[in-house]
């Protein structure tokens, strides 16, 4: 029994580390209606790592990480510049275009990098079961720093996400704050995807936030509920994976689906708070 606990402890703690900041960022993503921004930024990061690999750098090395972050920062700049209040071109369309182009570019680069496809596939799919203690600790430290950054500047970030018109009326530099948001988001996604893969990271980002919206308009309630449901989905998903010998990431993602269905069934019987705070 203790061997089982020791084996599953690292992936469980990795899931909790991912939960901490993704539940918060997911609230912004839902409010901004940019649901697939994490996949687009993850693909840009993968493109950067692929270019680094083509130039002879180790995919697990510092240079590959710098390339990945650099490409994700380019995406952050694009998303901050293309945001429009008039909405003539939905930002989700821009995100989709960026994803498609970066995916196609990655394929072209991979074609020139011998044996590169398997390395990139591994980076995107992730392997939460084989995550190491240094990865968990470094991710936790980084997320704490970024969490502190978002806490220190929570007023402009929240106002731009929830009340962009009011933010503009107050004279906030929306494009600058948007860039800072997407840049920090890109750092989180780049690290998380390397540990857990795109599908798992997407689930931690979106499902808890959607569940929170079903039950409350209050930001604090959404956040606490998102953390609690992510904890539950992580525990159940990893347990199902071990007991039924299922692929770990897929088991956790499907568990998130069951949690969402449960929340959708229960939410009509639970009153919502009148306003967000």
Protein backbone atom coordinates (compact mmCIF):
# COMPACT_ATOMS: atom_id res chain seq x y z
CA UNK A 1 0.00 0.00 0.00
CA UNK A 2 2.73 2.43 0.94
CA UNK A 3 4.50 1.71 -2.34
CA UNK A 4 1.32 2.72 -4.16
CA UNK A 5 1.01 5.93 -2.16
CA UNK A 6 4.66 6.82 -2.82
CA UNK A 7 4.26 6.11 -6.55
CA UNK A 8 1.11 8.26 -6.92
CA UNK A 9 2.24 11.06 -4.60
CA UNK A 10 4.32 12.93 -7.16
CA UNK A 11 1.66 13.05 -9.92
CA UNK A 12 -0.97 14.02 -7.32
CA UNK A 13 1.14 16.89 -6.00
CA UNK A 14 1.92 17.96 -9.58
CA UNK A 15 -1.83 18.11 -10.24
CA UNK A 16 -2.33 20.24 -7.12
CA UNK A 17 0.47 22.61 -8.18
CA UNK A 18 -1.16 22.99 -11.58
CA UNK A 19 -4.55 23.51 -9.91
CA UNK A 20 -3.37 26.43 -7.80
CA UNK A 21 -2.84 28.93 -10.60
CA UNK A 22 -4.89 27.44 -13.42
CA UNK A 23 -8.17 27.71 -11.51
CA UNK A 24 -7.52 31.45 -11.19
CA UNK A 25 -6.37 31.99 -14.77
CA UNK A 26 -9.37 30.01 -16.00
CA UNK A 27 -11.70 32.60 -14.48
CA UNK A 28 -10.03 35.26 -16.63
CA UNK A 29 -10.14 33.05 -19.72
CA UNK A 30 -13.88 32.40 -19.34
CA UNK A 31 -14.61 36.09 -18.77
CA UNK A 32 -12.50 37.16 -21.76
CA UNK A 33 -14.08 34.41 -23.93
CA UNK A 34 -10.68 33.21 -25.16
CA UNK A 35 -11.21 29.56 -24.31
CA UNK A 36 -8.50 28.07 -26.52
CA UNK A 37 -5.76 30.59 -25.77
CA UNK A 38 -3.81 28.05 -23.71
CA UNK A 39 -3.70 25.57 -26.60
CA UNK A 40 -2.51 28.31 -28.97
CA UNK A 41 0.21 29.42 -26.55
CA UNK A 42 1.21 25.81 -25.92
CA UNK A 43 1.56 25.24 -29.65
CA UNK A 44 3.68 28.37 -30.00
CA UNK A 45 5.89 27.17 -27.16
CA UNK A 46 6.20 23.80 -28.89
CA UNK A 47 7.18 25.57 -32.10
CA UNK A 48 9.89 27.47 -30.22
CA UNK A 49 11.23 24.27 -28.68
CA UNK A 50 11.17 22.62 -32.11
CA UNK A 51 13.23 25.45 -33.60
CA UNK A 52 15.70 25.10 -30.71
CA UNK A 53 15.93 21.36 -31.38
CA UNK A 54 16.57 22.03 -35.07
CA UNK A 55 19.46 24.28 -34.08
CA UNK A 56 20.98 21.45 -32.04
CA UNK A 57 19.79 22.30 -28.53
CA UNK A 58 18.52 19.71 -26.05
CA UNK A 59 14.72 19.81 -25.69
CA UNK A 60 15.10 19.56 -21.90
CA UNK A 61 17.77 22.25 -21.76
CA UNK A 62 17.68 25.92 -20.89
CA UNK A 63 17.95 27.14 -24.49
CA UNK A 64 14.88 25.16 -25.56
CA UNK A 65 12.94 26.68 -22.65
CA UNK A 66 14.09 30.17 -23.67
CA UNK A 67 13.02 29.58 -27.26
CA UNK A 68 9.65 28.28 -26.07
CA UNK A 69 9.08 31.28 -23.82
CA UNK A 70 10.18 33.67 -26.57
CA UNK A 71 7.66 32.26 -29.02
CA UNK A 72 4.90 32.34 -26.39
CA UNK A 73 5.74 36.01 -25.72
CA UNK A 74 5.27 36.68 -29.43
CA UNK A 75 1.83 35.13 -29.10
CA UNK A 76 1.13 37.29 -26.06
CA UNK A 77 2.01 40.38 -28.09
CA UNK A 78 -0.28 39.31 -30.94
CA UNK A 79 -3.22 38.62 -28.63
CA UNK A 80 -2.81 41.91 -26.78
CA UNK A 81 -2.64 43.95 -29.99
CA UNK A 82 -5.56 42.22 -31.73
CA UNK A 83 -8.06 42.67 -28.90
CA UNK A 84 -10.88 44.92 -30.07
CA UNK A 85 -13.84 46.34 -28.17
CA UNK A 86 -15.89 46.56 -31.37
CA UNK A 87 -15.49 42.83 -31.90
CA UNK A 88 -15.43 42.98 -35.71
CA UNK A 89 -12.92 40.13 -35.65
CA UNK A 90 -13.52 37.86 -32.62
CA UNK A 91 -10.31 37.26 -30.71
CA UNK A 92 -11.07 33.54 -30.69
CA UNK A 93 -10.67 33.66 -34.48
CA UNK A 94 -7.23 35.23 -34.09
CA UNK A 95 -6.32 32.57 -31.53
CA UNK A 96 -7.42 29.82 -33.92
CA UNK A 97 -5.38 31.29 -36.75
CA UNK A 98 -2.28 31.56 -34.55
CA UNK A 99 -2.73 27.95 -33.47
CA UNK A 100 -3.14 26.66 -37.03
CA UNK A 101 -0.14 28.57 -38.38
CA UNK A 102 2.14 27.62 -35.47
CA UNK A 103 1.09 23.96 -35.76
CA UNK A 104 1.80 23.96 -39.49
CA UNK A 105 5.13 25.72 -38.95
CA UNK A 106 6.07 23.13 -36.30
CA UNK A 107 5.37 20.35 -38.80
CA UNK A 108 7.64 22.02 -41.36
CA UNK A 109 10.43 22.44 -38.81
CA UNK A 110 10.03 18.87 -37.54
CA UNK A 111 10.43 17.66 -41.12
CA UNK A 112 13.93 19.15 -41.06
CA UNK A 113 14.83 17.82 -37.60
CA UNK A 114 15.83 14.13 -37.63
CA UNK A 115 13.89 12.10 -35.03
CA UNK A 116 12.32 15.31 -33.76
CA UNK A 117 8.67 14.27 -34.04
CA UNK A 118 8.76 11.87 -31.09
CA UNK A 119 10.43 14.43 -28.86
CA UNK A 120 7.87 17.12 -29.65
CA UNK A 121 5.00 14.66 -29.27
CA UNK A 122 6.30 13.73 -25.84
CA UNK A 123 6.53 17.37 -24.83
CA UNK A 124 2.94 18.12 -25.90
CA UNK A 125 1.37 14.96 -24.52
CA UNK A 126 3.30 15.13 -21.26
CA UNK A 127 3.60 12.34 -18.71
CA UNK A 128 2.24 13.27 -15.32
CA UNK A 129 3.20 9.84 -13.91
CA UNK A 130 6.92 10.37 -14.55
CA UNK A 131 7.09 13.93 -13.24
CA UNK A 132 10.13 14.48 -11.00
CA UNK A 133 10.49 16.30 -7.70
CA UNK A 134 12.68 19.04 -9.24
CA UNK A 135 9.97 19.68 -11.86
CA UNK A 136 7.27 19.89 -9.20
CA UNK A 137 9.27 22.17 -6.91
CA UNK A 138 10.47 24.49 -9.68
CA UNK A 139 6.92 24.77 -11.08
CA UNK A 140 5.53 25.47 -7.60
CA UNK A 141 8.10 28.21 -7.01
CA UNK A 142 7.47 29.79 -10.39
CA UNK A 143 3.70 29.70 -9.94
CA UNK A 144 4.02 31.30 -6.52
CA UNK A 145 5.97 34.18 -8.06
CA UNK A 146 3.45 34.59 -10.87
CA UNK A 147 0.58 34.27 -8.40
CA UNK A 148 2.12 37.06 -6.34
CA UNK A 149 2.45 39.17 -9.49
CA UNK A 150 -1.24 38.69 -10.32
CA UNK A 151 -2.22 39.43 -6.72
CA UNK A 152 -0.20 42.64 -6.65
CA UNK A 153 -1.83 43.85 -9.88
CA UNK A 154 -5.19 42.13 -9.46
CA UNK A 155 -7.23 45.32 -9.88
CA UNK A 156 -6.20 46.13 -13.48
CA UNK A 157 -6.17 42.45 -14.48
CA UNK A 158 -9.66 41.81 -13.09
CA UNK A 159 -11.08 45.07 -14.37
CA UNK A 160 -9.85 44.46 -17.91
CA UNK A 161 -11.20 40.90 -17.84
CA UNK A 162 -14.60 41.71 -16.31
CA UNK A 163 -15.18 45.40 -17.20
CA UNK A 164 -12.99 46.40 -20.18
CA UNK A 165 -15.13 49.45 -20.93
CA UNK A 166 -14.67 50.78 -17.40
CA UNK A 167 -10.96 50.01 -17.56
CA UNK A 168 -10.62 52.04 -20.74
CA UNK A 169 -12.62 54.90 -19.21
CA UNK A 170 -10.20 54.96 -16.29
CA UNK A 171 -7.31 55.36 -18.71
CA UNK A 172 -5.69 51.97 -18.19
CA UNK A 173 -3.23 50.95 -20.88
CA UNK A 174 -5.25 47.91 -21.90
CA UNK A 175 -2.79 46.55 -24.47
CA UNK A 176 0.08 46.72 -22.00
CA UNK A 177 -1.87 44.93 -19.29
CA UNK A 178 -3.14 42.42 -21.83
CA UNK A 179 0.44 41.68 -22.87
CA UNK A 180 1.48 41.19 -19.24
CA UNK A 181 -1.48 38.86 -18.69
CA UNK A 182 -0.83 36.75 -21.78
CA UNK A 183 2.93 36.72 -21.20
CA UNK A 184 2.53 35.39 -17.65
CA UNK A 185 -0.12 33.00 -18.94
CA UNK A 186 2.30 31.79 -21.59
CA UNK A 187 4.96 31.04 -18.96
CA UNK A 188 2.45 29.00 -16.93
CA UNK A 189 1.22 27.06 -19.95
CA UNK A 190 4.74 26.33 -21.19
CA UNK A 191 5.74 24.80 -17.86
CA UNK A 192 2.45 22.99 -17.22
CA UNK A 193 2.25 21.40 -20.66
CA UNK A 194 5.75 19.96 -20.30
CA UNK A 195 4.60 18.22 -17.12
CA UNK A 196 1.04 17.19 -17.94
CA UNK A 197 0.27 17.69 -21.64
CA UNK A 198 -2.20 19.93 -23.46
CA UNK A 199 -5.47 18.12 -22.70
CA UNK A 200 -4.86 17.88 -18.97
CA UNK A 201 -3.77 21.51 -18.71
CA UNK A 202 -6.81 22.62 -20.71
CA UNK A 203 -9.10 20.71 -18.34
CA UNK A 204 -7.53 22.29 -15.23
CA UNK A 205 -7.91 25.71 -16.81
CA UNK A 206 -11.46 25.60 -18.16
CA UNK A 207 -13.59 23.02 -16.31
CA UNK A 208 -13.21 24.44 -12.76
CA UNK A 209 -13.91 27.95 -14.05
CA UNK A 210 -17.05 26.80 -15.90
CA UNK A 211 -18.27 24.99 -12.78
CA UNK A 212 -17.71 28.14 -10.76
CA UNK A 213 -19.78 30.18 -13.22
CA UNK A 214 -22.64 27.69 -12.82
CA UNK A 215 -22.84 28.29 -9.07
CA UNK A 216 -21.85 31.88 -8.35
CA UNK A 217 -21.09 35.35 -9.70
CA UNK A 218 -18.65 36.02 -6.87
CA UNK A 219 -15.01 35.71 -7.82
CA UNK A 220 -13.93 34.31 -4.45
CA UNK A 221 -16.60 31.60 -4.54
CA UNK A 222 -15.63 30.62 -8.10
CA UNK A 223 -11.99 30.37 -7.12
CA UNK A 224 -12.52 28.28 -3.98
CA UNK A 225 -14.99 26.04 -5.80
CA UNK A 226 -12.54 25.62 -8.68
CA UNK A 227 -9.77 24.57 -6.30
CA UNK A 228 -12.04 22.12 -4.50
CA UNK A 229 -13.33 20.51 -7.69
CA UNK A 230 -9.84 20.27 -9.17
CA UNK A 231 -8.66 18.54 -6.00
CA UNK A 232 -11.57 16.10 -6.24
CA UNK A 233 -11.03 15.41 -9.96
CA UNK A 234 -7.30 14.89 -9.42
CA UNK A 235 -7.83 12.45 -6.56
CA UNK A 236 -10.55 10.46 -8.32
CA UNK A 237 -8.88 10.51 -11.73
CA UNK A 238 -5.54 9.26 -10.42
CA UNK A 239 -7.32 6.61 -8.36
CA UNK A 240 -9.29 5.39 -11.38
CA UNK A 241 -6.08 5.36 -13.40
CA UNK A 242 -4.28 3.19 -10.87
CA UNK A 243 -7.12 0.82 -9.95
CA UNK A 244 -8.35 0.25 -13.51
CA UNK A 245 -4.93 0.48 -15.21
CA UNK A 246 -5.97 3.41 -17.40
CA UNK A 247 -3.85 6.13 -19.08
CA UNK A 248 -3.42 8.71 -16.32
CA UNK A 249 -3.97 11.94 -18.23
CA UNK A 250 -7.04 10.64 -20.05
CA UNK A 251 -8.50 9.30 -16.79
CA UNK A 252 -8.17 12.68 -15.07
CA UNK A 253 -9.61 14.55 -18.08
CA UNK A 254 -12.63 12.22 -18.22
CA UNK A 255 -13.10 12.65 -14.47
CA UNK A 256 -13.22 16.40 -15.02
CA UNK A 257 -15.98 15.71 -17.56
CA UNK A 258 -17.97 13.77 -14.96
CA UNK A 259 -17.46 16.55 -12.42
CA UNK A 260 -18.75 19.11 -14.92
CA UNK A 261 -21.83 16.99 -15.67
CA UNK A 262 -22.51 16.68 -11.96
CA UNK A 263 -22.21 20.43 -11.46
CA UNK A 264 -24.54 21.10 -14.40
CA UNK A 265 -27.16 18.79 -12.87
CA UNK A 266 -26.90 20.30 -9.39
CA UNK A 267 -26.53 24.00 -10.26
CA UNK A 268 -30.22 24.67 -11.14
CA UNK A 269 -31.09 23.90 -7.52
CA UNK A 270 -28.45 26.17 -6.02
CA UNK A 271 -28.99 29.93 -5.96
CA UNK A 272 -26.40 32.26 -7.55
CA UNK A 273 -25.07 35.37 -5.90
CA UNK A 274 -26.29 38.59 -7.51
CA UNK A 275 -22.98 40.10 -8.57
CA UNK A 276 -19.25 39.50 -8.97
CA UNK A 277 -16.81 41.05 -6.51
